[in-house]
C-alpha cells in the first residue's frame, strides 16, 4: 500500500513515499549531546551502534523526544548543536540514517532550556534556530503524530521535599498549546503524542518528573479524541502505563486498539536504550525496550 508522509512545519509540506501496511517508529530519547562529555560520554558510540545495525530494525522514522543536548542555551551551547548537525543533518533536514533516508523528528526537552550551569533560560532560542518549531504534527497516511514542548524545570511544591529536591517537574502546556492540541486532535485517524516529560509517573512518587500546567485539559483532550499513546522520556527509565487502569504493562509486544498508554523509554545517550513502535491503520504495537548492547550479540 502506497502512502505519503506529510510533514507540516511552518506551512511547508515535505513528502516521502513508501509502500508498507504499517509505519515503524524507532523511539529514542535523552541523547544529551555534551561537547565536553562531562555528563554524557557515550552518546556518539550508542548512536553509531544503533545506526550500524539499523537493518535489523528498519524503521520508517525516528523520533527523539527531547534532551537532545546536555545544555541548549548560553555559552558553549552552540557547539552541542554543531555536534547534532554533524551526526544527523543533511541538506534538507535531519536524518537518523542518511543512506536509507530515514527522517528524524525531535521535540523540546528541559535540557534544551538549560545553560551549562544548569540554570533555566527563558526560552529555547537555539532549538528554534537549529532544529525548528516546538509544537507541530506529522501526518502519515491515516496516522497523526503530534509533538509538544512540555516546558522547563519547575517544582510544584518545593517545600514538600525537606530540602532534598527530586527530579523536577516541567512547567507544562500554555493556552496556545492547548488550542493547537484541540485543533490537531480533531483529525480522524490514529493519534500519538510525543513529549519529553511524561503525563504520569506512578513509580516516581508525588508528581516527580511529569509536566504540570494544563494537565487536566490535556487529559480531557487526549481521552475525548481517542489518543492511543503518549510517548516520552525524561526519567531515564523504561515503563509502559495503562493510564485509565493505573497499572504497569508487563506483556510485550503490546497490541493497543483502545485506551491510553503512557510509553516511557530510557536514555539512548547515557544508557543505550531504544524502543520500536509499529502503527497500523487500526492499532499500534509497542515492543519491549531494547539496548544497543543487545545488537552486538
Protein backbone atom coordinates (compact mmCIF):
# COMPACT_ATOMS: atom_id res chain seq x y z
CA UNK A 1 0.00 0.00 0.00
CA UNK A 2 1.50 3.30 -1.05
CA UNK A 3 1.34 6.10 1.46
CA UNK A 4 2.62 9.60 1.77
CA UNK A 5 4.25 11.19 4.78
CA UNK A 6 3.20 14.81 5.13
CA UNK A 7 5.29 16.92 7.45
CA UNK A 8 3.80 20.29 8.35
CA UNK A 9 6.46 22.71 9.56
CA UNK A 10 5.75 26.43 9.31
CA UNK A 11 3.34 25.81 6.41
CA UNK A 12 5.98 23.91 4.41
CA UNK A 13 4.96 20.40 3.34
CA UNK A 14 7.54 17.69 2.70
CA UNK A 15 6.60 14.35 1.17
CA UNK A 16 8.13 10.89 1.33
CA UNK A 17 6.72 7.85 -0.45
CA UNK A 18 6.88 4.28 0.79
CA UNK A 19 4.94 1.04 0.41
CA UNK A 20 4.03 -0.76 3.65
CA UNK A 21 0.96 -1.71 5.65
CA UNK A 22 2.32 -0.17 8.83
CA UNK A 23 4.66 2.57 9.98
CA UNK A 24 7.60 1.57 12.15
CA UNK A 25 8.77 4.22 14.62
CA UNK A 26 12.12 3.97 16.36
CA UNK A 27 11.81 5.87 19.62
CA UNK A 28 14.94 7.29 21.21
CA UNK A 29 15.21 9.95 23.87
CA UNK A 30 17.60 11.83 26.13
CA UNK A 31 20.60 11.89 23.81
CA UNK A 32 22.34 14.53 25.95
CA UNK A 33 24.93 15.69 23.42
CA UNK A 34 27.72 17.20 25.52
CA UNK A 35 30.68 18.85 23.81
CA UNK A 36 32.75 18.36 26.96
CA UNK A 37 31.48 14.80 27.64
CA UNK A 38 31.30 15.58 31.34
CA UNK A 39 27.78 14.30 31.95
CA UNK A 40 27.22 12.15 28.86
CA UNK A 41 30.18 10.23 27.43
CA UNK A 42 28.65 7.53 25.22
CA UNK A 43 26.10 9.37 23.11
CA UNK A 44 28.09 9.08 19.86
CA UNK A 45 29.01 5.43 20.44
CA UNK A 46 25.45 4.41 21.27
CA UNK A 47 24.02 6.13 18.21
CA UNK A 48 26.66 4.60 15.95
CA UNK A 49 25.93 1.09 17.25
CA UNK A 50 22.23 1.62 16.61
CA UNK A 51 22.82 3.17 13.21
CA UNK A 52 25.20 0.44 12.06
CA UNK A 53 22.59 -2.18 12.97
CA UNK A 54 19.59 -0.28 11.65
CA UNK A 55 18.94 -3.03 9.07
CA UNK A 56 17.82 -5.22 11.98
CA UNK A 57 15.07 -2.71 12.80
CA UNK A 58 14.29 -0.90 9.52
CA UNK A 59 12.26 2.00 10.94
CA UNK A 60 10.37 4.38 8.69
CA UNK A 61 11.05 7.30 11.01
CA UNK A 62 13.00 8.01 14.18
CA UNK A 63 11.61 10.20 16.97
CA UNK A 64 13.93 11.80 19.53
CA UNK A 65 11.84 13.04 22.46
CA UNK A 66 13.94 15.77 23.97
CA UNK A 67 17.08 16.39 25.96
CA UNK A 68 18.77 16.39 22.60
CA UNK A 69 21.67 18.30 24.11
CA UNK A 70 23.04 18.44 27.65
CA UNK A 71 22.63 22.23 27.66
CA UNK A 72 20.94 24.18 24.89
CA UNK A 73 21.40 27.82 25.83
CA UNK A 74 24.18 30.18 26.85
CA UNK A 75 27.93 29.89 26.48
CA UNK A 76 29.27 26.85 24.53
CA UNK A 77 25.74 25.57 23.73
CA UNK A 78 26.16 26.19 20.00
CA UNK A 79 28.88 23.51 19.99
CA UNK A 80 26.34 20.93 21.17
CA UNK A 81 24.06 21.80 18.28
CA UNK A 82 27.05 21.64 15.95
CA UNK A 83 27.57 18.03 17.01
CA UNK A 84 23.86 17.37 16.42
CA UNK A 85 24.26 18.65 12.87
CA UNK A 86 27.36 16.55 12.25
CA UNK A 87 25.52 13.44 13.44
CA UNK A 88 22.15 13.84 11.74
CA UNK A 89 21.78 16.80 9.38
CA UNK A 90 21.70 16.63 5.60
CA UNK A 91 20.85 19.35 3.08
CA UNK A 92 17.11 19.29 3.61
CA UNK A 93 16.63 18.11 7.19
CA UNK A 94 17.54 15.69 9.96
CA UNK A 95 18.05 12.01 9.18
CA UNK A 96 18.97 9.20 11.52
CA UNK A 97 20.32 7.30 8.54
CA UNK A 98 21.17 9.45 5.52
CA UNK A 99 21.92 6.47 3.26
CA UNK A 100 18.49 4.92 3.80
CA UNK A 101 16.79 8.30 4.06
CA UNK A 102 15.25 7.67 7.49
CA UNK A 103 13.96 11.05 8.74
CA UNK A 104 14.26 12.07 12.37
CA UNK A 105 11.80 14.28 14.23
CA UNK A 106 12.52 15.94 17.55
CA UNK A 107 10.77 17.62 20.44
CA UNK A 108 11.99 20.05 23.10
CA UNK A 109 13.25 18.71 26.45
CA UNK A 110 14.09 20.54 29.65
CA UNK A 111 17.82 20.41 28.88
CA UNK A 112 17.18 22.50 25.77
CA UNK A 113 16.30 25.25 28.28
CA UNK A 114 19.46 24.66 30.38
CA UNK A 115 22.69 26.59 30.31
CA UNK A 116 25.99 24.86 31.07
CA UNK A 117 25.42 25.87 34.70
CA UNK A 118 22.01 24.08 34.69
CA UNK A 119 20.18 27.38 35.05
CA UNK A 120 16.92 27.66 33.11
CA UNK A 121 16.90 30.03 30.18
CA UNK A 122 13.71 31.96 29.45
CA UNK A 123 13.25 30.26 26.10
CA UNK A 124 14.79 27.76 23.68
CA UNK A 125 16.18 30.17 21.10
CA UNK A 126 18.91 27.79 19.99
CA UNK A 127 16.46 24.92 19.48
CA UNK A 128 14.25 27.17 17.37
CA UNK A 129 17.29 28.36 15.42
CA UNK A 130 18.94 25.00 14.81
CA UNK A 131 16.08 22.48 14.88
CA UNK A 132 12.75 24.16 14.18
CA UNK A 133 9.30 24.69 15.63
CA UNK A 134 8.42 23.45 19.11
CA UNK A 135 4.83 22.24 18.55
CA UNK A 136 3.85 20.55 15.29
CA UNK A 137 2.37 17.42 13.79
CA UNK A 138 3.28 14.86 11.15
CA UNK A 139 0.62 13.02 9.13
CA UNK A 140 1.47 9.53 7.85
CA UNK A 141 -1.44 8.06 5.93
CA UNK A 142 -4.24 7.92 8.50
CA UNK A 143 -1.86 8.43 11.44
CA UNK A 144 -1.15 11.77 13.09
CA UNK A 145 1.96 12.20 15.24
CA UNK A 146 1.90 15.28 17.48
CA UNK A 147 4.96 16.85 19.08
CA UNK A 148 4.68 19.12 22.14
CA UNK A 149 7.14 21.16 24.19
CA UNK A 150 6.29 20.40 27.84
CA UNK A 151 8.46 23.19 29.22
CA UNK A 152 11.36 23.87 31.53
CA UNK A 153 12.22 22.67 35.05
CA UNK A 154 9.59 23.51 37.64
CA UNK A 155 8.86 22.44 41.21
CA UNK A 156 5.16 22.44 42.06
CA UNK A 157 5.65 22.25 45.85
CA UNK A 158 9.36 22.52 46.72
CA UNK A 159 8.61 22.82 50.44
CA UNK A 160 7.32 19.23 50.48
CA UNK A 161 10.77 17.69 49.97
CA UNK A 162 12.56 18.77 53.17
CA UNK A 163 15.41 20.38 51.27
CA UNK A 164 16.18 17.33 49.10
CA UNK A 165 14.68 18.02 45.69
CA UNK A 166 13.83 15.06 43.43
CA UNK A 167 13.69 15.10 39.64
CA UNK A 168 11.91 18.37 38.75
CA UNK A 169 8.54 18.55 37.13
CA UNK A 170 8.02 20.51 33.93
CA UNK A 171 6.17 23.78 33.67
CA UNK A 172 3.74 22.17 31.23
CA UNK A 173 1.50 23.49 28.48
CA UNK A 174 0.25 27.02 27.90
CA UNK A 175 -3.08 28.17 26.49
CA UNK A 176 -1.84 28.45 22.90
CA UNK A 177 -0.54 24.88 23.04
CA UNK A 178 -3.91 23.64 24.29
CA UNK A 179 -5.55 25.49 21.41
CA UNK A 180 -3.10 23.88 18.97
CA UNK A 181 -3.74 20.46 20.51
CA UNK A 182 -7.52 20.84 20.38
CA UNK A 183 -7.36 21.65 16.67
CA UNK A 184 -4.79 18.96 15.80
CA UNK A 185 -6.65 16.21 17.64
CA UNK A 186 -9.77 16.72 15.52
CA UNK A 187 -8.01 14.54 12.95
CA UNK A 188 -9.95 11.37 12.10
CA UNK A 189 -7.35 8.64 12.45
CA UNK A 190 -4.86 7.14 14.89
CA UNK A 191 -3.20 9.78 17.05
CA UNK A 192 0.04 9.54 19.02
CA UNK A 193 1.53 12.36 21.12
CA UNK A 194 5.28 12.74 21.70
CA UNK A 195 6.50 14.77 24.68
CA UNK A 196 9.72 14.91 26.65
CA UNK A 197 8.10 14.77 30.09
CA UNK A 198 5.58 12.01 30.76
CA UNK A 199 2.00 12.76 31.68
CA UNK A 200 2.19 10.26 34.55
CA UNK A 201 4.96 8.60 36.52
CA UNK A 202 3.37 6.39 39.17
CA UNK A 203 6.72 4.91 40.14
CA UNK A 204 8.37 8.27 40.73
CA UNK A 205 6.44 9.42 43.76
CA UNK A 206 4.50 12.64 44.14
CA UNK A 207 4.40 14.31 40.72
CA UNK A 208 8.07 13.55 40.05
CA UNK A 209 9.22 14.28 36.51
CA UNK A 210 5.80 14.93 34.94
CA UNK A 211 4.50 18.13 33.36
CA UNK A 212 2.22 20.38 35.37
CA UNK A 213 0.21 23.25 33.90
CA UNK A 214 -2.96 22.38 31.96
CA UNK A 215 -2.71 18.68 32.84
CA UNK A 216 -6.46 18.28 33.28
CA UNK A 217 -7.26 19.95 29.97
CA UNK A 218 -4.59 17.87 28.24
CA UNK A 219 -6.01 14.62 29.63
CA UNK A 220 -9.57 15.56 28.66
CA UNK A 221 -8.49 16.29 25.09
CA UNK A 222 -6.47 13.08 24.90
CA UNK A 223 -9.33 10.95 26.21
CA UNK A 224 -12.10 12.64 24.23
CA UNK A 225 -10.14 12.29 20.98
CA UNK A 226 -9.09 8.64 21.44
CA UNK A 227 -5.33 9.16 21.56
CA UNK A 228 -3.69 5.74 21.88
CA UNK A 229 -0.17 6.64 23.02
CA UNK A 230 1.73 9.35 24.84
CA UNK A 231 5.41 8.64 24.19
CA UNK A 232 8.04 10.27 26.40
CA UNK A 233 11.45 10.09 28.04
CA UNK A 234 12.99 12.31 30.74
CA UNK A 235 13.03 9.92 33.71
CA UNK A 236 15.72 7.65 32.18
CA UNK A 237 13.59 4.59 32.82
CA UNK A 238 11.64 2.05 30.77
CA UNK A 239 7.98 1.58 31.58
CA UNK A 240 4.54 1.48 29.94
CA UNK A 241 1.43 2.51 31.88
CA UNK A 242 -2.24 1.90 31.21
CA UNK A 243 -3.33 5.38 32.24
CA UNK A 244 -7.00 4.61 32.84
CA UNK A 245 -6.37 1.45 34.86
CA UNK A 246 -3.26 2.89 36.57
CA UNK A 247 -1.30 -0.30 36.05
CA UNK A 248 2.09 -1.14 34.55
CA UNK A 249 2.01 -3.21 31.37
CA UNK A 250 4.14 -6.34 31.55
CA UNK A 251 3.27 -8.34 28.42
CA UNK A 252 5.03 -7.45 25.16
CA UNK A 253 4.57 -6.95 22.27
CA UNK A 254 1.62 -4.90 23.49
CA UNK A 255 -1.23 -4.55 20.97
CA UNK A 256 -3.38 -1.46 21.56
CA UNK A 257 -6.60 -0.53 19.77
CA UNK A 258 -8.29 1.48 22.54
CA UNK A 259 -7.43 3.16 25.82
CA UNK A 260 -4.46 5.41 26.54
CA UNK A 261 -0.94 4.17 27.25
CA UNK A 262 1.98 6.20 28.54
CA UNK A 263 5.17 4.84 26.96
CA UNK A 264 8.47 5.86 28.56
CA UNK A 265 11.84 4.83 27.14
CA UNK A 266 15.24 5.12 28.80
CA UNK A 267 18.10 7.34 27.66
CA UNK A 268 19.87 6.49 24.40
CA UNK A 269 22.75 8.83 25.18
CA UNK A 270 23.63 7.69 28.67
CA UNK A 271 22.32 4.11 28.78
CA UNK A 272 21.80 2.97 25.18
CA UNK A 273 18.04 2.31 25.30
CA UNK A 274 15.57 2.45 22.41
CA UNK A 275 12.09 1.15 21.60
CA UNK A 276 10.18 0.11 18.48
CA UNK A 277 6.53 1.04 17.88
CA UNK A 278 4.55 -0.24 14.88
CA UNK A 279 1.49 1.75 13.81
CA UNK A 280 -1.22 0.10 11.73
CA UNK A 281 -4.49 1.58 10.46
CA UNK A 282 -6.48 0.22 13.41
CA UNK A 283 -3.93 -0.45 16.18
CA UNK A 284 -0.45 0.14 17.48
CA UNK A 285 2.07 -2.43 18.66
CA UNK A 286 4.53 -1.39 21.37
CA UNK A 287 7.61 -3.56 21.82
CA UNK A 288 9.69 -4.08 24.93
CA UNK A 289 12.58 -1.64 25.25
CA UNK A 290 15.95 -2.77 23.91
CA UNK A 291 19.58 -1.77 24.42
CA UNK A 292 22.25 -1.13 21.82
CA UNK A 293 24.46 -3.67 23.60
CA UNK A 294 21.98 -6.38 22.57
CA UNK A 295 22.66 -5.53 18.93
CA UNK A 296 26.30 -6.54 19.35
CA UNK A 297 25.50 -10.09 20.48
